[in-house]
Protein backbone atom coordinates (compact mmCIF):
# COMPACT_ATOMS: atom_id res chain seq x y z
CA UNK A 1 0.00 0.00 0.00
CA UNK A 2 1.46 3.32 -1.07
CA UNK A 3 0.65 6.21 1.22
CA UNK A 4 -0.59 9.35 -0.55
CA UNK A 5 1.28 12.60 -0.02
CA UNK A 6 -1.99 14.18 1.15
CA UNK A 7 -2.11 11.70 4.05
CA UNK A 8 1.45 12.60 4.98
CA UNK A 9 0.59 16.29 4.90
CA UNK A 10 -2.43 15.79 7.18
CA UNK A 11 -0.30 13.90 9.70
CA UNK A 12 2.47 16.49 9.44
CA UNK A 13 -0.07 19.25 10.10
CA UNK A 14 -1.37 17.26 13.07
CA UNK A 15 2.15 17.03 14.49
CA UNK A 16 2.68 20.79 14.17
CA UNK A 17 -0.66 21.59 15.81
CA UNK A 18 0.00 19.02 18.55
CA UNK A 19 3.34 20.63 19.34
CA UNK A 20 1.71 24.08 19.53
CA UNK A 21 -0.85 22.54 21.90
CA UNK A 22 2.04 21.53 24.16
CA UNK A 23 3.20 25.15 24.23
CA UNK A 24 -0.21 26.29 25.44
CA UNK A 25 -0.32 23.56 28.09
CA UNK A 26 3.15 24.56 29.31
CA UNK A 27 2.21 28.25 29.35
CA UNK A 28 -0.91 27.42 31.36
CA UNK A 29 1.00 25.16 33.72
CA UNK A 30 3.56 27.91 34.40
CA UNK A 31 0.77 30.03 35.92
CA UNK A 32 -0.91 27.19 37.77
CA UNK A 33 -0.92 27.01 41.56
CA UNK A 34 -3.24 25.28 43.97
CA UNK A 35 -5.88 28.00 44.13
CA UNK A 36 -8.96 28.90 42.11
CA UNK A 37 -7.63 32.24 40.90
CA UNK A 38 -4.60 30.69 39.20
CA UNK A 39 -6.80 28.03 37.62
CA UNK A 40 -8.97 30.73 36.11
CA UNK A 41 -5.90 32.68 34.99
CA UNK A 42 -4.26 29.67 33.34
CA UNK A 43 -7.54 28.03 32.33
CA UNK A 44 -7.71 29.78 28.97
CA UNK A 45 -4.24 28.62 27.98
CA UNK A 46 -4.97 25.10 29.16
CA UNK A 47 -8.29 25.04 27.29
CA UNK A 48 -6.60 26.21 24.07
CA UNK A 49 -3.98 23.48 24.50
CA UNK A 50 -6.61 20.79 24.92
CA UNK A 51 -8.63 22.14 21.98
CA UNK A 52 -5.53 22.12 19.77
CA UNK A 53 -4.78 18.52 20.76
CA UNK A 54 -8.33 17.58 19.76
CA UNK A 55 -7.94 19.41 16.44
CA UNK A 56 -4.63 17.67 15.79
CA UNK A 57 -6.35 14.34 16.44
CA UNK A 58 -8.95 15.14 13.78
CA UNK A 59 -6.23 15.90 11.22
CA UNK A 60 -4.36 12.76 12.24
CA UNK A 61 -7.45 10.62 11.67
CA UNK A 62 -7.96 12.21 8.25
CA UNK A 63 -4.35 11.39 7.43
CA UNK A 64 -4.36 7.75 8.48
CA UNK A 65 -7.65 7.03 6.72
CA UNK A 66 -6.04 6.44 3.31
CA UNK A 67 -2.45 5.67 4.20
CA UNK A 68 -0.22 3.09 5.77
CA UNK A 69 -0.04 3.46 9.52
CA UNK A 70 3.54 2.15 9.57
CA UNK A 71 4.57 5.10 7.40
CA UNK A 72 2.33 7.77 8.92
CA UNK A 73 2.67 7.16 12.65
CA UNK A 74 6.41 7.86 12.70
CA UNK A 75 5.66 11.29 11.20
CA UNK A 76 4.07 12.14 14.54
CA UNK A 77 7.62 12.03 15.95
CA UNK A 78 8.30 15.24 14.05
CA UNK A 79 6.32 16.88 16.83
CA UNK A 80 9.49 16.54 18.93
CA UNK A 81 11.33 18.68 16.40
CA UNK A 82 8.64 21.37 16.44
CA UNK A 83 8.45 21.29 20.22
CA UNK A 84 12.19 21.86 20.49
CA UNK A 85 11.85 24.95 18.29
CA UNK A 86 8.79 26.32 20.14
CA UNK A 87 10.42 25.69 23.53
CA UNK A 88 13.41 27.77 22.49
CA UNK A 89 11.26 30.57 21.03
CA UNK A 90 8.60 30.85 23.73
CA UNK A 91 10.28 29.62 26.92
CA UNK A 92 13.93 30.37 26.14
CA UNK A 93 14.85 26.75 26.85
CA UNK A 94 18.40 25.89 25.84
CA UNK A 95 19.23 23.77 22.81
CA UNK A 96 22.32 21.71 23.51
CA UNK A 97 24.33 19.20 21.51
CA UNK A 98 22.40 16.20 22.84
CA UNK A 99 19.06 17.70 21.79
CA UNK A 100 20.42 18.43 18.32
CA UNK A 101 21.70 14.84 18.01
CA UNK A 102 18.33 13.55 19.18
CA UNK A 103 16.45 15.65 16.65
CA UNK A 104 18.85 14.49 13.92
CA UNK A 105 18.16 10.87 14.84
CA UNK A 106 14.40 11.48 14.72
CA UNK A 107 14.74 13.08 11.29
CA UNK A 108 16.90 10.23 9.98
CA UNK A 109 14.47 7.66 11.36
CA UNK A 110 11.44 9.37 9.83
CA UNK A 111 13.34 9.65 6.55
CA UNK A 112 14.12 5.91 6.52
CA UNK A 113 10.52 5.00 7.24
CA UNK A 114 9.19 7.42 4.62
CA UNK A 115 11.64 5.92 2.09
CA UNK A 116 10.08 2.54 2.81
CA UNK A 117 6.76 3.87 1.51
CA UNK A 118 7.30 2.27 -1.91
C-alpha atoms as a PDB file:
ATOM      1  CA  UNK A   1       0.000   0.000   0.000  1.00  0.00           C
ATOM      2  CA  UNK A   2       1.460   3.322  -1.066  1.00  0.00           C
ATOM      3  CA  UNK A   3       0.649   6.211   1.220  1.00  0.00           C
ATOM      4  CA  UNK A   4      -0.593   9.350  -0.552  1.00  0.00           C
ATOM      5  CA  UNK A   5       1.277  12.603  -0.015  1.00  0.00           C
ATOM      6  CA  UNK A   6      -1.989  14.176   1.152  1.00  0.00           C
ATOM      7  CA  UNK A   7      -2.109  11.703   4.051  1.00  0.00           C
ATOM      8  CA  UNK A   8       1.448  12.597   4.982  1.00  0.00           C
ATOM      9  CA  UNK A   9       0.592  16.294   4.900  1.00  0.00           C
ATOM     10  CA  UNK A  10      -2.434  15.786   7.178  1.00  0.00           C
ATOM     11  CA  UNK A  11      -0.300  13.896   9.698  1.00  0.00           C
ATOM     12  CA  UNK A  12       2.471  16.488   9.444  1.00  0.00           C
ATOM     13  CA  UNK A  13      -0.066  19.245  10.104  1.00  0.00           C
ATOM     14  CA  UNK A  14      -1.366  17.256  13.067  1.00  0.00           C
ATOM     15  CA  UNK A  15       2.155  17.027  14.494  1.00  0.00           C
ATOM     16  CA  UNK A  16       2.683  20.790  14.175  1.00  0.00           C
ATOM     17  CA  UNK A  17      -0.656  21.589  15.813  1.00  0.00           C
ATOM     18  CA  UNK A  18      -0.003  19.024  18.548  1.00  0.00           C
ATOM     19  CA  UNK A  19       3.343  20.627  19.337  1.00  0.00           C
ATOM     20  CA  UNK A  20       1.708  24.082  19.527  1.00  0.00           C
ATOM     21  CA  UNK A  21      -0.846  22.540  21.899  1.00  0.00           C
ATOM     22  CA  UNK A  22       2.043  21.528  24.160  1.00  0.00           C
ATOM     23  CA  UNK A  23       3.200  25.149  24.228  1.00  0.00           C
ATOM     24  CA  UNK A  24      -0.210  26.290  25.444  1.00  0.00           C
ATOM     25  CA  UNK A  25      -0.318  23.565  28.093  1.00  0.00           C
ATOM     26  CA  UNK A  26       3.151  24.557  29.312  1.00  0.00           C
ATOM     27  CA  UNK A  27       2.206  28.253  29.350  1.00  0.00           C
ATOM     28  CA  UNK A  28      -0.906  27.422  31.360  1.00  0.00           C
ATOM     29  CA  UNK A  29       1.004  25.158  33.722  1.00  0.00           C
ATOM     30  CA  UNK A  30       3.556  27.905  34.395  1.00  0.00           C
ATOM     31  CA  UNK A  31       0.769  30.030  35.921  1.00  0.00           C
ATOM     32  CA  UNK A  32      -0.913  27.188  37.774  1.00  0.00           C
ATOM     33  CA  UNK A  33      -0.918  27.005  41.565  1.00  0.00           C
ATOM     34  CA  UNK A  34      -3.242  25.277  43.975  1.00  0.00           C
ATOM     35  CA  UNK A  35      -5.881  28.000  44.130  1.00  0.00           C
ATOM     36  CA  UNK A  36      -8.960  28.895  42.113  1.00  0.00           C
ATOM     37  CA  UNK A  37      -7.627  32.238  40.902  1.00  0.00           C
ATOM     38  CA  UNK A  38      -4.604  30.688  39.203  1.00  0.00           C
ATOM     39  CA  UNK A  39      -6.800  28.025  37.623  1.00  0.00           C
ATOM     40  CA  UNK A  40      -8.970  30.734  36.109  1.00  0.00           C
ATOM     41  CA  UNK A  41      -5.901  32.676  34.992  1.00  0.00           C
ATOM     42  CA  UNK A  42      -4.261  29.669  33.338  1.00  0.00           C
ATOM     43  CA  UNK A  43      -7.542  28.029  32.333  1.00  0.00           C
ATOM     44  CA  UNK A  44      -7.714  29.783  28.965  1.00  0.00           C
ATOM     45  CA  UNK A  45      -4.242  28.623  27.979  1.00  0.00           C
ATOM     46  CA  UNK A  46      -4.972  25.097  29.163  1.00  0.00           C
ATOM     47  CA  UNK A  47      -8.285  25.044  27.289  1.00  0.00           C
ATOM     48  CA  UNK A  48      -6.601  26.213  24.072  1.00  0.00           C
ATOM     49  CA  UNK A  49      -3.981  23.480  24.500  1.00  0.00           C
ATOM     50  CA  UNK A  50      -6.612  20.789  24.920  1.00  0.00           C
ATOM     51  CA  UNK A  51      -8.631  22.140  21.976  1.00  0.00           C
ATOM     52  CA  UNK A  52      -5.531  22.121  19.771  1.00  0.00           C
ATOM     53  CA  UNK A  53      -4.782  18.521  20.763  1.00  0.00           C
ATOM     54  CA  UNK A  54      -8.325  17.585  19.760  1.00  0.00           C
ATOM     55  CA  UNK A  55      -7.938  19.409  16.443  1.00  0.00           C
ATOM     56  CA  UNK A  56      -4.630  17.673  15.786  1.00  0.00           C
ATOM     57  CA  UNK A  57      -6.349  14.342  16.436  1.00  0.00           C
ATOM     58  CA  UNK A  58      -8.949  15.138  13.778  1.00  0.00           C
ATOM     59  CA  UNK A  59      -6.234  15.899  11.221  1.00  0.00           C
ATOM     60  CA  UNK A  60      -4.362  12.756  12.242  1.00  0.00           C
ATOM     61  CA  UNK A  61      -7.453  10.624  11.674  1.00  0.00           C
ATOM     62  CA  UNK A  62      -7.964  12.210   8.245  1.00  0.00           C
ATOM     63  CA  UNK A  63      -4.354  11.386   7.429  1.00  0.00           C
ATOM     64  CA  UNK A  64      -4.358   7.749   8.477  1.00  0.00           C
ATOM     65  CA  UNK A  65      -7.651   7.027   6.722  1.00  0.00           C
ATOM     66  CA  UNK A  66      -6.044   6.444   3.311  1.00  0.00           C
ATOM     67  CA  UNK A  67      -2.449   5.674   4.205  1.00  0.00           C
ATOM     68  CA  UNK A  68      -0.217   3.094   5.769  1.00  0.00           C
ATOM     69  CA  UNK A  69      -0.036   3.463   9.524  1.00  0.00           C
ATOM     70  CA  UNK A  70       3.541   2.149   9.572  1.00  0.00           C
ATOM     71  CA  UNK A  71       4.567   5.103   7.400  1.00  0.00           C
ATOM     72  CA  UNK A  72       2.328   7.773   8.919  1.00  0.00           C
ATOM     73  CA  UNK A  73       2.671   7.155  12.649  1.00  0.00           C
ATOM     74  CA  UNK A  74       6.413   7.858  12.696  1.00  0.00           C
ATOM     75  CA  UNK A  75       5.659  11.292  11.197  1.00  0.00           C
ATOM     76  CA  UNK A  76       4.072  12.144  14.540  1.00  0.00           C
ATOM     77  CA  UNK A  77       7.621  12.026  15.955  1.00  0.00           C
ATOM     78  CA  UNK A  78       8.301  15.241  14.049  1.00  0.00           C
ATOM     79  CA  UNK A  79       6.318  16.882  16.833  1.00  0.00           C
ATOM     80  CA  UNK A  80       9.488  16.536  18.927  1.00  0.00           C
ATOM     81  CA  UNK A  81      11.332  18.681  16.402  1.00  0.00           C
ATOM     82  CA  UNK A  82       8.645  21.366  16.435  1.00  0.00           C
ATOM     83  CA  UNK A  83       8.448  21.292  20.222  1.00  0.00           C
ATOM     84  CA  UNK A  84      12.193  21.861  20.486  1.00  0.00           C
ATOM     85  CA  UNK A  85      11.853  24.946  18.295  1.00  0.00           C
ATOM     86  CA  UNK A  86       8.791  26.322  20.139  1.00  0.00           C
ATOM     87  CA  UNK A  87      10.425  25.689  23.529  1.00  0.00           C
ATOM     88  CA  UNK A  88      13.407  27.773  22.486  1.00  0.00           C
ATOM     89  CA  UNK A  89      11.258  30.566  21.034  1.00  0.00           C
ATOM     90  CA  UNK A  90       8.596  30.853  23.732  1.00  0.00           C
ATOM     91  CA  UNK A  91      10.281  29.620  26.916  1.00  0.00           C
ATOM     92  CA  UNK A  92      13.930  30.370  26.143  1.00  0.00           C
ATOM     93  CA  UNK A  93      14.845  26.754  26.849  1.00  0.00           C
ATOM     94  CA  UNK A  94      18.397  25.888  25.838  1.00  0.00           C
ATOM     95  CA  UNK A  95      19.225  23.767  22.812  1.00  0.00           C
ATOM     96  CA  UNK A  96      22.316  21.709  23.509  1.00  0.00           C
ATOM     97  CA  UNK A  97      24.328  19.200  21.512  1.00  0.00           C
ATOM     98  CA  UNK A  98      22.402  16.196  22.844  1.00  0.00           C
ATOM     99  CA  UNK A  99      19.062  17.702  21.791  1.00  0.00           C
ATOM    100  CA  UNK A 100      20.420  18.432  18.319  1.00  0.00           C
ATOM    101  CA  UNK A 101      21.699  14.842  18.012  1.00  0.00           C
ATOM    102  CA  UNK A 102      18.329  13.548  19.183  1.00  0.00           C
ATOM    103  CA  UNK A 103      16.446  15.648  16.646  1.00  0.00           C
ATOM    104  CA  UNK A 104      18.848  14.490  13.924  1.00  0.00           C
ATOM    105  CA  UNK A 105      18.156  10.867  14.839  1.00  0.00           C
ATOM    106  CA  UNK A 106      14.404  11.482  14.719  1.00  0.00           C
ATOM    107  CA  UNK A 107      14.737  13.079  11.289  1.00  0.00           C
ATOM    108  CA  UNK A 108      16.903  10.226   9.984  1.00  0.00           C
ATOM    109  CA  UNK A 109      14.470   7.656  11.357  1.00  0.00           C
ATOM    110  CA  UNK A 110      11.445   9.369   9.829  1.00  0.00           C
ATOM    111  CA  UNK A 111      13.339   9.647   6.546  1.00  0.00           C
ATOM    112  CA  UNK A 112      14.115   5.911   6.515  1.00  0.00           C
ATOM    113  CA  UNK A 113      10.521   4.999   7.242  1.00  0.00           C
ATOM    114  CA  UNK A 114       9.189   7.423   4.622  1.00  0.00           C
ATOM    115  CA  UNK A 115      11.636   5.924   2.094  1.00  0.00           C
ATOM    116  CA  UNK A 116      10.079   2.536   2.808  1.00  0.00           C
ATOM    117  CA  UNK A 117       6.764   3.865   1.514  1.00  0.00           C
ATOM    118  CA  UNK A 118       7.298   2.270  -1.911  1.00  0.00           C
END
